[in-house]
Amino acid sequence: MRALIQRVHHAEVVVDDDVVGKIDKGLLVFLGVEPNDLLEDVDWLSGKLARLRIFKDNDDLMNLSVNDIDGNILVVSQFTLFASTKKGNRPSFTQSAKPDYANEMYQKFLEELTKLTGKKIEKGIFGADMKVSLLNDGPVTIMIDSKNKE
């Protein structure tokens, strides 16, 4: 399971001209699922994200989590995080989980993140053509992969 995390001033997801997810200050998370991801990946990654200290404290150090700043989280499914560009110029997505399994794991990730943060997690619509807009803060962009725990 892979997450591309962006610290944002605000972000929103639009599907068919309707805003389906929107946050002010917080984290925009693009989440990719691969076929061998398990519940332990969901637990580890959601915990890592909930505790990730990438917001500035009073000393201007990245020392605060999204909960510490009372921020919000917007999670968008993103199968292209597992794109392979080794051959040719057209990416291959064979390392991405099939849609049914990816959606199941995406929903479990949202549930676990809700439990850990005590907040309503904003989200996109799985499998939809989404338009994502954001104002990156920093910019701070971090990639975390549950297969690289050690």
N, C-alpha and C. Protein backbone atom coordinates (compact mmCIF):
# COMPACT_ATOMS: atom_id res chain seq x y z
N MET A 1 0.87 -1.15 0.00
CA MET A 1 0.00 0.00 0.00
C MET A 1 0.91 1.22 0.00
N ARG A 2 0.57 2.16 -0.85
CA ARG A 2 1.42 3.32 -1.04
C ARG A 2 0.60 4.59 -0.88
N ALA A 3 1.17 5.58 -0.18
CA ALA A 3 0.48 6.86 0.01
C ALA A 3 1.43 7.99 -0.39
N LEU A 4 0.92 8.87 -1.22
CA LEU A 4 1.60 10.12 -1.53
C LEU A 4 0.87 11.19 -0.73
N ILE A 5 1.58 11.80 0.21
CA ILE A 5 0.97 12.70 1.19
C ILE A 5 1.43 14.12 0.90
N GLN A 6 0.47 15.04 0.84
CA GLN A 6 0.81 16.44 0.65
C GLN A 6 0.21 17.27 1.79
N ARG A 7 1.05 18.10 2.39
CA ARG A 7 0.58 19.04 3.39
C ARG A 7 -0.04 20.20 2.62
N VAL A 8 -1.30 20.51 2.92
CA VAL A 8 -2.02 21.50 2.11
C VAL A 8 -2.67 22.59 2.97
N HIS A 9 -2.84 23.75 2.36
CA HIS A 9 -3.65 24.82 2.96
C HIS A 9 -5.12 24.50 2.73
N HIS A 10 -5.43 23.91 1.56
CA HIS A 10 -6.78 23.45 1.25
C HIS A 10 -6.71 22.53 0.03
N ALA A 11 -7.72 21.68 -0.11
CA ALA A 11 -7.80 20.77 -1.25
C ALA A 11 -9.25 20.36 -1.45
N GLU A 12 -9.57 20.02 -2.70
CA GLU A 12 -10.92 19.53 -2.98
C GLU A 12 -10.89 18.59 -4.16
N VAL A 13 -11.91 17.71 -4.20
CA VAL A 13 -12.10 16.77 -5.29
C VAL A 13 -13.46 17.04 -5.91
N VAL A 14 -13.47 17.14 -7.24
CA VAL A 14 -14.70 17.39 -7.98
C VAL A 14 -14.95 16.22 -8.92
N VAL A 15 -16.19 15.74 -8.94
CA VAL A 15 -16.62 14.69 -9.87
C VAL A 15 -17.89 15.20 -10.55
N ASP A 16 -17.87 15.24 -11.88
CA ASP A 16 -19.03 15.72 -12.64
C ASP A 16 -19.53 17.07 -12.14
N ASP A 17 -18.62 18.00 -11.94
CA ASP A 17 -18.93 19.37 -11.49
C ASP A 17 -19.47 19.47 -10.06
N ASP A 18 -19.44 18.37 -9.30
CA ASP A 18 -19.87 18.39 -7.90
C ASP A 18 -18.66 18.19 -6.98
N VAL A 19 -18.54 19.04 -5.96
CA VAL A 19 -17.48 18.86 -4.97
C VAL A 19 -17.89 17.69 -4.09
N VAL A 20 -17.06 16.63 -4.09
CA VAL A 20 -17.38 15.43 -3.31
C VAL A 20 -16.53 15.31 -2.05
N GLY A 21 -15.43 16.04 -2.00
CA GLY A 21 -14.57 16.04 -0.82
C GLY A 21 -13.81 17.35 -0.76
N LYS A 22 -13.71 17.93 0.44
CA LYS A 22 -13.06 19.23 0.56
C LYS A 22 -12.51 19.40 1.97
N ILE A 23 -11.28 19.93 2.07
CA ILE A 23 -10.69 20.22 3.37
C ILE A 23 -10.01 21.58 3.34
N ASP A 24 -9.85 22.14 4.52
CA ASP A 24 -8.97 23.28 4.70
C ASP A 24 -7.63 22.68 5.14
N LYS A 25 -6.89 23.35 5.96
CA LYS A 25 -5.55 22.91 6.36
C LYS A 25 -5.54 21.45 6.79
N GLY A 26 -4.60 20.70 6.23
CA GLY A 26 -4.48 19.29 6.59
C GLY A 26 -3.66 18.50 5.59
N LEU A 27 -4.08 17.26 5.38
CA LEU A 27 -3.35 16.34 4.51
C LEU A 27 -4.21 15.89 3.34
N LEU A 28 -3.64 15.97 2.15
CA LEU A 28 -4.23 15.35 0.97
C LEU A 28 -3.44 14.07 0.74
N VAL A 29 -4.14 12.94 0.72
CA VAL A 29 -3.48 11.64 0.60
C VAL A 29 -3.96 10.93 -0.65
N PHE A 30 -3.03 10.62 -1.54
CA PHE A 30 -3.32 9.78 -2.69
C PHE A 30 -2.93 8.36 -2.28
N LEU A 31 -3.88 7.42 -2.38
CA LEU A 31 -3.65 6.06 -1.87
C LEU A 31 -3.71 5.04 -2.99
N GLY A 32 -2.65 4.25 -3.10
CA GLY A 32 -2.59 3.16 -4.08
C GLY A 32 -2.53 1.82 -3.36
N VAL A 33 -3.20 0.84 -3.96
CA VAL A 33 -3.26 -0.51 -3.38
C VAL A 33 -2.68 -1.50 -4.38
N GLU A 34 -1.88 -2.43 -3.88
CA GLU A 34 -1.37 -3.50 -4.74
C GLU A 34 -1.98 -4.82 -4.31
N PRO A 35 -1.93 -5.83 -5.18
CA PRO A 35 -2.65 -7.08 -4.91
C PRO A 35 -2.27 -7.80 -3.62
N ASN A 36 -1.03 -7.66 -3.17
CA ASN A 36 -0.61 -8.40 -1.96
C ASN A 36 -0.75 -7.59 -0.68
N ASP A 37 -1.43 -6.46 -0.73
CA ASP A 37 -1.67 -5.69 0.49
C ASP A 37 -2.66 -6.42 1.39
N LEU A 38 -2.40 -6.33 2.70
CA LEU A 38 -3.22 -7.00 3.71
C LEU A 38 -3.72 -5.99 4.73
N LEU A 39 -4.54 -6.45 5.66
CA LEU A 39 -5.04 -5.56 6.71
C LEU A 39 -3.90 -4.98 7.54
N GLU A 40 -2.81 -5.72 7.69
CA GLU A 40 -1.68 -5.18 8.45
C GLU A 40 -1.07 -3.97 7.73
N ASP A 41 -1.16 -3.93 6.40
CA ASP A 41 -0.70 -2.76 5.65
C ASP A 41 -1.62 -1.57 5.92
N VAL A 42 -2.91 -1.83 5.95
CA VAL A 42 -3.90 -0.78 6.26
C VAL A 42 -3.61 -0.22 7.65
N ASP A 43 -3.46 -1.09 8.63
CA ASP A 43 -3.22 -0.66 10.01
C ASP A 43 -1.93 0.14 10.14
N TRP A 44 -0.86 -0.38 9.55
CA TRP A 44 0.44 0.28 9.66
C TRP A 44 0.42 1.65 8.99
N LEU A 45 -0.09 1.72 7.75
CA LEU A 45 -0.07 2.96 7.00
C LEU A 45 -1.01 4.02 7.59
N SER A 46 -2.18 3.60 8.02
CA SER A 46 -3.10 4.57 8.62
C SER A 46 -2.54 5.11 9.93
N GLY A 47 -1.90 4.24 10.71
CA GLY A 47 -1.27 4.68 11.95
C GLY A 47 -0.12 5.63 11.68
N LYS A 48 0.69 5.32 10.71
CA LYS A 48 1.81 6.18 10.34
C LYS A 48 1.30 7.55 9.92
N LEU A 49 0.26 7.55 9.11
CA LEU A 49 -0.30 8.81 8.62
C LEU A 49 -0.90 9.64 9.76
N ALA A 50 -1.64 9.01 10.64
CA ALA A 50 -2.28 9.73 11.75
C ALA A 50 -1.24 10.36 12.69
N ARG A 51 -0.08 9.74 12.80
CA ARG A 51 0.95 10.23 13.72
C ARG A 51 2.04 11.06 13.04
N LEU A 52 2.02 11.14 11.72
CA LEU A 52 3.07 11.80 10.95
C LEU A 52 3.19 13.27 11.34
N ARG A 53 4.38 13.66 11.78
CA ARG A 53 4.59 15.03 12.29
C ARG A 53 5.22 15.88 11.19
N ILE A 54 4.37 16.52 10.37
CA ILE A 54 4.88 17.33 9.27
C ILE A 54 4.34 18.76 9.29
N PHE A 55 3.70 19.15 10.39
CA PHE A 55 3.21 20.52 10.53
C PHE A 55 4.13 21.26 11.48
N LYS A 56 4.31 22.54 11.23
CA LYS A 56 5.26 23.34 12.01
C LYS A 56 4.74 23.66 13.41
N ASP A 57 5.66 23.62 14.37
CA ASP A 57 5.34 24.03 15.73
C ASP A 57 5.74 25.50 15.93
N ASN A 58 5.71 25.97 17.16
CA ASN A 58 6.04 27.38 17.44
C ASN A 58 7.50 27.72 17.14
N ASP A 59 8.35 26.71 17.07
CA ASP A 59 9.76 26.93 16.75
C ASP A 59 10.04 26.75 15.26
N ASP A 60 8.99 26.64 14.46
CA ASP A 60 9.09 26.50 13.00
C ASP A 60 9.69 25.14 12.59
N LEU A 61 9.55 24.15 13.45
CA LEU A 61 10.01 22.79 13.15
C LEU A 61 8.82 21.90 12.81
N MET A 62 9.02 20.99 11.87
CA MET A 62 7.95 20.03 11.56
C MET A 62 7.88 19.05 12.72
N ASN A 63 6.95 19.30 13.63
CA ASN A 63 6.90 18.55 14.87
C ASN A 63 5.48 18.20 15.28
N LEU A 64 4.47 18.59 14.47
CA LEU A 64 3.08 18.39 14.85
C LEU A 64 2.36 17.50 13.83
N SER A 65 1.43 16.69 14.34
CA SER A 65 0.63 15.82 13.47
C SER A 65 -0.63 16.55 13.03
N VAL A 66 -1.37 15.94 12.14
CA VAL A 66 -2.63 16.52 11.67
C VAL A 66 -3.60 16.70 12.83
N ASN A 67 -3.61 15.77 13.78
CA ASN A 67 -4.48 15.91 14.95
C ASN A 67 -4.02 17.05 15.85
N ASP A 68 -2.70 17.22 15.98
CA ASP A 68 -2.17 18.29 16.83
C ASP A 68 -2.62 19.67 16.36
N ILE A 69 -2.79 19.84 15.05
CA ILE A 69 -3.20 21.15 14.53
C ILE A 69 -4.69 21.22 14.26
N ASP A 70 -5.42 20.17 14.64
CA ASP A 70 -6.85 20.06 14.37
C ASP A 70 -7.14 20.20 12.88
N GLY A 71 -6.27 19.56 12.07
CA GLY A 71 -6.41 19.59 10.62
C GLY A 71 -7.33 18.48 10.13
N ASN A 72 -7.51 18.45 8.84
CA ASN A 72 -8.38 17.45 8.21
C ASN A 72 -7.61 16.62 7.21
N ILE A 73 -8.25 15.55 6.75
CA ILE A 73 -7.62 14.64 5.80
C ILE A 73 -8.58 14.37 4.65
N LEU A 74 -8.03 14.43 3.43
CA LEU A 74 -8.76 14.08 2.21
C LEU A 74 -8.00 12.95 1.55
N VAL A 75 -8.67 11.80 1.34
CA VAL A 75 -8.03 10.63 0.75
C VAL A 75 -8.64 10.37 -0.63
N VAL A 76 -7.75 10.21 -1.61
CA VAL A 76 -8.15 9.97 -3.00
C VAL A 76 -7.49 8.69 -3.48
N SER A 77 -8.29 7.76 -4.02
CA SER A 77 -7.72 6.52 -4.57
C SER A 77 -6.89 6.86 -5.79
N GLN A 78 -5.75 6.19 -5.94
CA GLN A 78 -4.82 6.54 -7.02
C GLN A 78 -4.05 5.31 -7.46
N PHE A 79 -4.64 4.51 -8.36
CA PHE A 79 -3.98 3.28 -8.80
C PHE A 79 -2.67 3.57 -9.54
N THR A 80 -2.50 4.77 -10.07
CA THR A 80 -1.30 5.08 -10.84
C THR A 80 -0.04 5.18 -9.98
N LEU A 81 -0.17 5.15 -8.66
CA LEU A 81 1.01 5.15 -7.80
C LEU A 81 1.85 3.89 -7.98
N PHE A 82 1.27 2.86 -8.57
CA PHE A 82 2.01 1.63 -8.83
C PHE A 82 2.35 1.48 -10.31
N ALA A 83 2.42 2.58 -11.02
CA ALA A 83 2.78 2.54 -12.44
C ALA A 83 4.22 2.05 -12.61
N SER A 84 4.42 1.24 -13.63
CA SER A 84 5.76 0.81 -14.00
C SER A 84 6.09 1.45 -15.34
N THR A 85 7.25 2.09 -15.38
CA THR A 85 7.69 2.74 -16.62
C THR A 85 8.99 2.13 -17.14
N LYS A 86 9.25 0.89 -16.77
CA LYS A 86 10.50 0.24 -17.15
C LYS A 86 10.62 0.00 -18.65
N LYS A 87 9.51 -0.36 -19.28
CA LYS A 87 9.54 -0.65 -20.71
C LYS A 87 8.74 0.39 -21.48
N GLY A 88 9.32 0.90 -22.54
CA GLY A 88 8.59 1.82 -23.41
C GLY A 88 8.21 3.12 -22.72
N ASN A 89 7.23 3.79 -23.31
CA ASN A 89 6.82 5.10 -22.83
C ASN A 89 5.41 5.12 -22.26
N ARG A 90 4.73 4.00 -22.36
CA ARG A 90 3.37 3.93 -21.82
C ARG A 90 3.42 3.15 -20.51
N PRO A 91 2.97 3.74 -19.42
CA PRO A 91 3.03 3.05 -18.12
C PRO A 91 2.18 1.78 -18.09
N SER A 92 2.66 0.84 -17.33
CA SER A 92 1.92 -0.40 -17.07
C SER A 92 1.40 -0.33 -15.64
N PHE A 93 0.18 -0.81 -15.45
CA PHE A 93 -0.42 -0.77 -14.12
C PHE A 93 -0.70 -2.17 -13.58
N THR A 94 0.08 -3.15 -14.02
CA THR A 94 -0.14 -4.53 -13.59
C THR A 94 0.18 -4.73 -12.11
N GLN A 95 0.92 -3.81 -11.50
CA GLN A 95 1.23 -3.92 -10.07
C GLN A 95 0.12 -3.33 -9.19
N SER A 96 -0.86 -2.70 -9.81
CA SER A 96 -2.00 -2.16 -9.05
C SER A 96 -3.02 -3.26 -8.82
N ALA A 97 -3.67 -3.21 -7.67
CA ALA A 97 -4.71 -4.20 -7.35
C ALA A 97 -5.91 -4.03 -8.28
N LYS A 98 -6.61 -5.12 -8.49
CA LYS A 98 -7.86 -5.08 -9.27
C LYS A 98 -8.86 -4.19 -8.52
N PRO A 99 -9.75 -3.53 -9.27
CA PRO A 99 -10.65 -2.55 -8.66
C PRO A 99 -11.45 -3.03 -7.44
N ASP A 100 -12.01 -4.23 -7.49
CA ASP A 100 -12.80 -4.70 -6.35
C ASP A 100 -11.97 -4.79 -5.07
N TYR A 101 -10.79 -5.38 -5.20
CA TYR A 101 -9.93 -5.53 -4.03
C TYR A 101 -9.38 -4.17 -3.57
N ALA A 102 -8.99 -3.34 -4.54
CA ALA A 102 -8.46 -2.02 -4.21
C ALA A 102 -9.51 -1.19 -3.46
N ASN A 103 -10.76 -1.25 -3.91
CA ASN A 103 -11.82 -0.50 -3.25
C ASN A 103 -12.07 -1.02 -1.84
N GLU A 104 -12.03 -2.32 -1.67
CA GLU A 104 -12.20 -2.91 -0.33
C GLU A 104 -11.12 -2.40 0.62
N MET A 105 -9.89 -2.39 0.17
CA MET A 105 -8.78 -1.93 1.02
C MET A 105 -8.84 -0.41 1.24
N TYR A 106 -9.26 0.31 0.23
CA TYR A 106 -9.43 1.77 0.34
C TYR A 106 -10.47 2.08 1.42
N GLN A 107 -11.59 1.37 1.41
CA GLN A 107 -12.64 1.59 2.41
C GLN A 107 -12.14 1.24 3.81
N LYS A 108 -11.39 0.15 3.93
CA LYS A 108 -10.84 -0.24 5.23
C LYS A 108 -9.85 0.82 5.73
N PHE A 109 -9.07 1.38 4.82
CA PHE A 109 -8.13 2.43 5.18
C PHE A 109 -8.88 3.66 5.72
N LEU A 110 -9.95 4.04 5.05
CA LEU A 110 -10.76 5.17 5.50
C LEU A 110 -11.35 4.92 6.88
N GLU A 111 -11.85 3.70 7.10
CA GLU A 111 -12.43 3.33 8.40
C GLU A 111 -11.38 3.41 9.51
N GLU A 112 -10.21 2.86 9.24
CA GLU A 112 -9.15 2.84 10.26
C GLU A 112 -8.66 4.25 10.56
N LEU A 113 -8.52 5.07 9.53
CA LEU A 113 -8.09 6.44 9.72
C LEU A 113 -9.11 7.24 10.53
N THR A 114 -10.39 6.97 10.30
CA THR A 114 -11.45 7.61 11.07
C THR A 114 -11.33 7.24 12.54
N LYS A 115 -11.09 5.95 12.82
CA LYS A 115 -10.93 5.50 14.22
C LYS A 115 -9.74 6.17 14.89
N LEU A 116 -8.62 6.24 14.16
CA LEU A 116 -7.38 6.76 14.74
C LEU A 116 -7.42 8.27 14.97
N THR A 117 -8.12 8.98 14.13
CA THR A 117 -8.12 10.44 14.24
C THR A 117 -9.36 10.98 14.93
N GLY A 118 -10.44 10.19 14.97
CA GLY A 118 -11.69 10.66 15.53
C GLY A 118 -12.36 11.71 14.66
N LYS A 119 -11.97 11.79 13.41
CA LYS A 119 -12.49 12.80 12.49
C LYS A 119 -13.19 12.15 11.30
N LYS A 120 -14.08 12.90 10.69
CA LYS A 120 -14.66 12.49 9.42
C LYS A 120 -13.58 12.67 8.36
N ILE A 121 -13.28 11.62 7.64
CA ILE A 121 -12.27 11.68 6.60
C ILE A 121 -12.98 12.01 5.28
N GLU A 122 -12.55 13.08 4.65
CA GLU A 122 -13.09 13.44 3.35
C GLU A 122 -12.48 12.51 2.31
N LYS A 123 -13.19 12.32 1.19
CA LYS A 123 -12.69 11.37 0.20
C LYS A 123 -13.21 11.71 -1.18
N GLY A 124 -12.54 11.10 -2.15
CA GLY A 124 -13.02 11.16 -3.52
C GLY A 124 -14.01 10.02 -3.74
N ILE A 125 -14.31 9.74 -5.00
CA ILE A 125 -15.18 8.62 -5.34
C ILE A 125 -14.32 7.58 -6.05
N PHE A 126 -14.24 6.40 -5.46
CA PHE A 126 -13.38 5.35 -6.00
C PHE A 126 -13.74 5.07 -7.46
N GLY A 127 -12.74 5.06 -8.32
CA GLY A 127 -12.92 4.71 -9.72
C GLY A 127 -13.47 5.82 -10.61
N ALA A 128 -13.83 6.95 -10.03
CA ALA A 128 -14.40 8.05 -10.82
C ALA A 128 -13.29 8.86 -11.47
N ASP A 129 -13.67 9.62 -12.49
CA ASP A 129 -12.78 10.59 -13.09
C ASP A 129 -12.84 11.83 -12.20
N MET A 130 -11.79 12.05 -11.43
CA MET A 130 -11.80 13.11 -10.42
C MET A 130 -10.89 14.26 -10.83
N LYS A 131 -11.29 15.44 -10.47
CA LYS A 131 -10.47 16.63 -10.64
C LYS A 131 -10.06 17.06 -9.23
N VAL A 132 -8.77 17.06 -8.98
CA VAL A 132 -8.25 17.38 -7.66
C VAL A 132 -7.52 18.71 -7.72
N SER A 133 -7.90 19.63 -6.84
CA SER A 133 -7.18 20.90 -6.75
C SER A 133 -6.68 21.07 -5.33
N LEU A 134 -5.54 21.74 -5.20
CA LEU A 134 -4.93 21.90 -3.89
C LEU A 134 -4.00 23.09 -3.88
N LEU A 135 -3.74 23.58 -2.69
CA LEU A 135 -2.68 24.55 -2.47
C LEU A 135 -1.71 23.89 -1.50
N ASN A 136 -0.58 23.43 -2.05
CA ASN A 136 0.42 22.73 -1.26
C ASN A 136 1.07 23.71 -0.29
N ASP A 137 1.32 23.25 0.92
CA ASP A 137 1.92 24.06 1.97
C ASP A 137 3.36 23.63 2.15
N GLY A 138 4.29 24.47 1.74
CA GLY A 138 5.71 24.17 1.93
C GLY A 138 6.54 24.41 0.67
N PRO A 139 6.46 23.58 -0.31
CA PRO A 139 5.66 22.38 -0.40
C PRO A 139 6.25 21.22 0.41
N VAL A 140 5.35 20.44 0.97
CA VAL A 140 5.75 19.21 1.66
C VAL A 140 4.99 18.07 1.00
N THR A 141 5.73 17.15 0.39
CA THR A 141 5.16 15.98 -0.27
C THR A 141 6.00 14.78 0.12
N ILE A 142 5.34 13.74 0.67
CA ILE A 142 6.05 12.57 1.18
C ILE A 142 5.40 11.31 0.67
N MET A 143 6.23 10.35 0.23
CA MET A 143 5.75 9.05 -0.21
C MET A 143 6.03 8.03 0.89
N ILE A 144 5.01 7.26 1.25
CA ILE A 144 5.19 6.19 2.24
C ILE A 144 4.65 4.90 1.63
N ASP A 145 5.44 3.84 1.72
CA ASP A 145 5.05 2.53 1.20
C ASP A 145 5.06 1.53 2.33
N SER A 146 3.96 0.81 2.53
CA SER A 146 3.88 -0.14 3.64
C SER A 146 4.84 -1.32 3.49
N LYS A 147 5.38 -1.51 2.30
CA LYS A 147 6.34 -2.59 2.09
C LYS A 147 7.76 -2.16 2.45
N ASN A 148 7.95 -0.89 2.79
CA ASN A 148 9.26 -0.38 3.18
C ASN A 148 9.26 0.05 4.64
N LYS A 149 8.74 -0.80 5.50
CA LYS A 149 8.64 -0.48 6.94
C LYS A 149 10.00 -0.48 7.62
N GLU A 150 10.89 -1.29 7.12
CA GLU A 150 12.17 -1.46 7.81
C GLU A 150 13.31 -0.90 7.01
